[in-house]
Amino acid sequence: MKGGKSFIAQLRAKPGRGAELIRLQVEMKGLVFEREPDAIVYELFQSEDDEDLFQVVATFRDDAAFDHHMAVDFHEALVPPILDCVEGEMEIAFYRSLG
């Protein structure tokens, strides 16, 4: 049985941009839960050892829900400024939830 589609993204904030990155990701999280009923998990984590290092963990009910997330209007509006806060490339890995 095919499970939900998940991703884990690692982001490092540019120096002095951590608060802005947090603000934008918290806005994204709120909109995801408000407008995407098939988003099961969308969380932002900050490293306890490195305040500029973040992980975003998300799980969507299925591939269609993930595709919807990628195309929704607020995603298109928030991702460019989020990426502008990120130093280097965002690392992202995709997973299939099990069980």
C-alpha atoms as a PDB file:
ATOM      1  CA  MET A   1       0.000   0.000   0.000  1.00  0.00           C
ATOM      2  CA  LYS A   2       1.324   3.398  -0.977  1.00  0.00           C
ATOM      3  CA  GLY A   3       1.599   5.802   1.957  1.00  0.00           C
ATOM      4  CA  GLY A   4       1.541   9.558   2.137  1.00  0.00           C
ATOM      5  CA  LYS A   5       4.226  11.689   0.529  1.00  0.00           C
ATOM      6  CA  SER A   6       6.659  13.306   2.954  1.00  0.00           C
ATOM      7  CA  PHE A   7       9.690  15.515   2.795  1.00  0.00           C
ATOM      8  CA  ILE A   8      12.398  16.686   5.137  1.00  0.00           C
ATOM      9  CA  ALA A   9      14.102  19.907   4.124  1.00  0.00           C
ATOM     10  CA  GLN A  10      17.191  21.346   5.776  1.00  0.00           C
ATOM     11  CA  LEU A  11      17.659  25.086   5.587  1.00  0.00           C
ATOM     12  CA  ARG A  12      20.468  27.254   6.903  1.00  0.00           C
ATOM     13  CA  ALA A  13      19.524  30.888   7.428  1.00  0.00           C
ATOM     14  CA  LYS A  14      21.807  33.586   6.095  1.00  0.00           C
ATOM     15  CA  PRO A  15      23.481  35.534   8.914  1.00  0.00           C
ATOM     16  CA  GLY A  16      20.945  37.861  10.500  1.00  0.00           C
ATOM     17  CA  ARG A  17      17.985  36.391   8.564  1.00  0.00           C
ATOM     18  CA  GLY A  18      16.873  33.656  10.984  1.00  0.00           C
ATOM     19  CA  ALA A  19      13.984  35.621  12.479  1.00  0.00           C
ATOM     20  CA  GLU A  20      12.645  36.438   9.012  1.00  0.00           C
ATOM     21  CA  LEU A  21      12.926  32.791   7.952  1.00  0.00           C
ATOM     22  CA  ILE A  22      11.025  31.719  11.066  1.00  0.00           C
ATOM     23  CA  ARG A  23       8.304  34.335  10.462  1.00  0.00           C
ATOM     24  CA  LEU A  24       7.801  33.229   6.848  1.00  0.00           C
ATOM     25  CA  GLN A  25       7.803  29.508   7.682  1.00  0.00           C
ATOM     26  CA  VAL A  26       5.337  30.026  10.552  1.00  0.00           C
ATOM     27  CA  GLU A  27       3.087  31.914   8.128  1.00  0.00           C
ATOM     28  CA  MET A  28       3.412  29.007   5.672  1.00  0.00           C
ATOM     29  CA  LYS A  29       2.576  26.499   8.407  1.00  0.00           C
ATOM     30  CA  GLY A  30      -0.564  28.393   9.409  1.00  0.00           C
ATOM     31  CA  LEU A  31      -1.795  28.614   5.828  1.00  0.00           C
ATOM     32  CA  VAL A  32      -1.028  24.944   5.182  1.00  0.00           C
ATOM     33  CA  PHE A  33      -3.179  23.857   8.113  1.00  0.00           C
ATOM     34  CA  GLU A  34      -5.905  26.390   7.294  1.00  0.00           C
ATOM     35  CA  ARG A  35      -6.197  25.677   3.574  1.00  0.00           C
ATOM     36  CA  GLU A  36      -4.776  22.212   2.909  1.00  0.00           C
ATOM     37  CA  PRO A  37      -6.886  19.558   4.620  1.00  0.00           C
ATOM     38  CA  ASP A  38      -4.724  16.764   3.173  1.00  0.00           C
ATOM     39  CA  ALA A  39      -1.568  18.110   4.811  1.00  0.00           C
ATOM     40  CA  ILE A  40      -1.109  15.824   7.808  1.00  0.00           C
ATOM     41  CA  VAL A  41       2.143  17.304   9.155  1.00  0.00           C
ATOM     42  CA  TYR A  42       3.905  20.593   8.491  1.00  0.00           C
ATOM     43  CA  GLU A  43       6.460  21.518  11.138  1.00  0.00           C
ATOM     44  CA  LEU A  44       9.470  23.795  11.432  1.00  0.00           C
ATOM     45  CA  PHE A  45      12.272  22.780  13.782  1.00  0.00           C
ATOM     46  CA  GLN A  46      15.256  24.857  14.875  1.00  0.00           C
ATOM     47  CA  SER A  47      18.481  23.218  15.992  1.00  0.00           C
ATOM     48  CA  GLU A  48      19.280  23.577  19.687  1.00  0.00           C
ATOM     49  CA  ASP A  49      22.993  23.694  18.815  1.00  0.00           C
ATOM     50  CA  ASP A  50      22.904  26.048  15.816  1.00  0.00           C
ATOM     51  CA  GLU A  51      20.206  28.735  15.760  1.00  0.00           C
ATOM     52  CA  ASP A  52      20.616  29.228  11.998  1.00  0.00           C
ATOM     53  CA  LEU A  53      19.885  25.579  11.150  1.00  0.00           C
ATOM     54  CA  PHE A  54      16.293  24.475  10.495  1.00  0.00           C
ATOM     55  CA  GLN A  55      14.393  21.383   9.396  1.00  0.00           C
ATOM     56  CA  VAL A  56      10.969  21.446   7.762  1.00  0.00           C
ATOM     57  CA  VAL A  57       9.088  18.154   8.000  1.00  0.00           C
ATOM     58  CA  ALA A  58       5.885  17.680   6.027  1.00  0.00           C
ATOM     59  CA  THR A  59       3.566  14.797   5.213  1.00  0.00           C
ATOM     60  CA  PHE A  60       0.699  14.899   2.754  1.00  0.00           C
ATOM     61  CA  ARG A  61      -2.074  12.317   2.435  1.00  0.00           C
ATOM     62  CA  ASP A  62      -0.981  11.366  -1.098  1.00  0.00           C
ATOM     63  CA  ASP A  63       0.876  12.604  -4.176  1.00  0.00           C
ATOM     64  CA  ALA A  64      -2.107  14.694  -5.275  1.00  0.00           C
ATOM     65  CA  ALA A  65      -2.101  16.554  -1.945  1.00  0.00           C
ATOM     66  CA  PHE A  66       1.632  17.241  -2.317  1.00  0.00           C
ATOM     67  CA  ASP A  67       1.108  18.458  -5.894  1.00  0.00           C
ATOM     68  CA  HIS A  68      -1.653  20.744  -4.635  1.00  0.00           C
ATOM     69  CA  HIS A  69       0.699  22.132  -1.966  1.00  0.00           C
ATOM     70  CA  MET A  70       3.330  22.912  -4.576  1.00  0.00           C
ATOM     71  CA  ALA A  71       0.817  24.817  -6.739  1.00  0.00           C
ATOM     72  CA  VAL A  72      -1.270  26.650  -4.124  1.00  0.00           C
ATOM     73  CA  ASP A  73      -1.120  30.456  -4.340  1.00  0.00           C
ATOM     74  CA  PHE A  74       0.436  31.126  -0.941  1.00  0.00           C
ATOM     75  CA  HIS A  75       3.213  28.593  -1.636  1.00  0.00           C
ATOM     76  CA  GLU A  76       4.109  30.527  -4.782  1.00  0.00           C
ATOM     77  CA  ALA A  77       4.082  33.790  -2.786  1.00  0.00           C
ATOM     78  CA  LEU A  78       6.092  32.597   0.252  1.00  0.00           C
ATOM     79  CA  VAL A  79       8.748  30.303  -1.211  1.00  0.00           C
ATOM     80  CA  PRO A  80      10.818  32.977  -3.011  1.00  0.00           C
ATOM     81  CA  PRO A  81      11.265  35.135   0.126  1.00  0.00           C
ATOM     82  CA  ILE A  82      11.926  31.997   2.197  1.00  0.00           C
ATOM     83  CA  LEU A  83      14.650  30.913  -0.213  1.00  0.00           C
ATOM     84  CA  ASP A  84      16.082  34.438  -0.139  1.00  0.00           C
ATOM     85  CA  CYS A  85      16.692  33.904   3.598  1.00  0.00           C
ATOM     86  CA  VAL A  86      18.503  30.601   2.983  1.00  0.00           C
ATOM     87  CA  GLU A  87      22.273  30.385   2.727  1.00  0.00           C
ATOM     88  CA  GLY A  88      23.319  28.137  -0.131  1.00  0.00           C
ATOM     89  CA  GLU A  89      21.013  25.418  -1.380  1.00  0.00           C
ATOM     90  CA  MET A  90      18.139  23.952   0.586  1.00  0.00           C
ATOM     91  CA  GLU A  91      18.638  20.217   1.051  1.00  0.00           C
ATOM     92  CA  ILE A  92      15.460  18.211   0.563  1.00  0.00           C
ATOM     93  CA  ALA A  93      14.736  14.485   0.653  1.00  0.00           C
ATOM     94  CA  PHE A  94      11.425  12.784  -0.125  1.00  0.00           C
ATOM     95  CA  TYR A  95       9.960   9.817   1.723  1.00  0.00           C
ATOM     96  CA  ARG A  96       6.887   7.615   1.698  1.00  0.00           C
ATOM     97  CA  SER A  97       5.156   7.306   5.069  1.00  0.00           C
ATOM     98  CA  LEU A  98       4.521   3.752   6.191  1.00  0.00           C
ATOM     99  CA  GLY A  99       1.960   2.050   8.372  1.00  0.00           C
END
